[in-house]
Amino acid sequence: MLQRQRPIDYARLCAAIGYTPKEAEQWREAADKMYYPAPVDGIYPQDDDFLNRKPWPLDTIPADKHPLLIRSHGESVELILSFDRK
């Protein structure tokens, strides 16, 4: 859109950030190869087994080891492990 509506600004921006049409092609190819699990009840799982993992009780994790999200939002966040733990 920017390229069509303001071609001079588009060219200037591309030069400033080193953008080339080849880069856009590479991003499209990468996106086409990505897999995104389907959302379940409004939750976008990180992988196919994400929502089948058992919650990890927060009271078993020392506070200094809590992820940033839990430290920022308190213990109302239910922690589900996002790495391969079954």
Protein backbone atom coordinates (compact mmCIF):
# COMPACT_ATOMS: atom_id res chain seq x y z
CA MET A 1 0.00 0.00 0.00
CA LEU A 2 2.77 2.43 0.94
CA GLN A 3 4.61 1.44 -2.21
CA ARG A 4 1.58 2.41 -4.35
CA GLN A 5 0.49 5.52 -2.48
CA ARG A 6 3.86 7.05 -1.62
CA PRO A 7 6.55 5.45 -3.78
CA ILE A 8 9.27 7.97 -2.87
CA ASP A 9 8.76 7.43 0.85
CA TYR A 10 8.62 3.67 0.25
CA ALA A 11 11.96 3.73 -1.59
CA ARG A 12 13.50 5.89 1.13
CA LEU A 13 12.28 3.54 3.86
CA CYS A 14 13.52 0.45 2.00
CA ALA A 15 16.96 2.03 1.60
CA ALA A 16 17.07 3.04 5.27
CA ILE A 17 16.33 -0.46 6.58
CA GLY A 18 17.98 -2.47 3.81
CA TYR A 19 14.72 -4.04 2.67
CA THR A 20 14.55 -5.83 -0.67
CA PRO A 21 11.72 -7.61 -2.53
CA LYS A 22 13.71 -10.83 -2.03
CA GLU A 23 13.31 -10.40 1.74
CA ALA A 24 9.52 -10.22 1.38
CA GLU A 25 9.59 -13.42 -0.64
CA GLN A 26 11.66 -15.15 2.05
CA TRP A 27 9.24 -14.04 4.78
CA ARG A 28 6.28 -15.37 2.76
CA GLU A 29 8.05 -18.70 2.25
CA ALA A 30 8.83 -18.96 5.97
CA ALA A 31 5.23 -18.12 6.91
CA ASP A 32 3.88 -20.72 4.49
CA LYS A 33 6.00 -23.39 6.21
CA MET A 34 4.86 -22.52 9.74
CA TYR A 35 2.32 -24.61 11.60
CA TYR A 36 -0.21 -22.98 13.91
CA PRO A 37 -2.42 -25.24 16.04
CA ALA A 38 -6.10 -24.36 15.82
CA PRO A 39 -7.46 -22.28 18.72
CA VAL A 40 -9.47 -24.15 21.35
CA ASP A 41 -12.07 -22.15 23.29
CA GLY A 42 -10.24 -18.92 22.45
CA ILE A 43 -6.84 -20.26 23.55
CA TYR A 44 -4.05 -20.44 21.01
CA PRO A 45 -1.95 -23.45 22.08
CA GLN A 46 1.81 -23.44 21.57
CA ASP A 47 1.64 -26.97 20.16
CA ASP A 48 -0.87 -29.81 19.72
CA ASP A 49 -0.38 -31.17 23.27
CA PHE A 50 -0.22 -27.85 25.11
CA LEU A 51 -3.74 -27.99 26.56
CA ASN A 52 -3.34 -31.65 27.59
CA ARG A 53 -0.47 -30.93 29.97
CA LYS A 54 -1.10 -30.95 33.69
CA PRO A 55 -0.99 -27.56 35.43
CA TRP A 56 2.09 -27.04 37.56
CA PRO A 57 1.10 -25.93 41.10
CA LEU A 58 2.56 -22.47 41.69
CA ASP A 59 3.12 -23.14 45.37
CA THR A 60 5.83 -25.67 44.45
CA ILE A 61 7.88 -23.07 42.58
CA PRO A 62 10.09 -20.65 44.53
CA ALA A 63 8.95 -17.05 43.93
CA ASP A 64 12.34 -16.07 42.49
CA LYS A 65 11.87 -18.71 39.81
CA HIS A 66 8.43 -17.56 38.68
CA PRO A 67 8.12 -16.46 35.08
CA LEU A 68 7.76 -12.73 34.49
CA LEU A 69 4.04 -13.06 33.69
CA ILE A 70 3.33 -14.55 37.10
CA ARG A 71 5.49 -11.96 38.89
CA SER A 72 3.68 -9.18 37.03
CA HIS A 73 0.11 -10.43 37.42
CA GLY A 74 0.16 -12.34 40.69
CA GLU A 75 -0.79 -15.92 41.29
CA SER A 76 -4.13 -15.67 39.51
CA VAL A 77 -2.33 -17.03 36.46
CA GLU A 78 -2.53 -20.80 36.05
CA LEU A 79 0.83 -22.10 34.93
CA ILE A 80 0.87 -24.74 32.22
CA LEU A 81 4.30 -25.90 31.17
CA SER A 82 5.10 -25.03 27.60
CA PHE A 83 8.03 -27.40 27.20
CA ASP A 84 7.87 -31.15 26.70
CA ARG A 85 6.73 -32.40 30.10
CA LYS A 86 4.13 -35.14 30.24
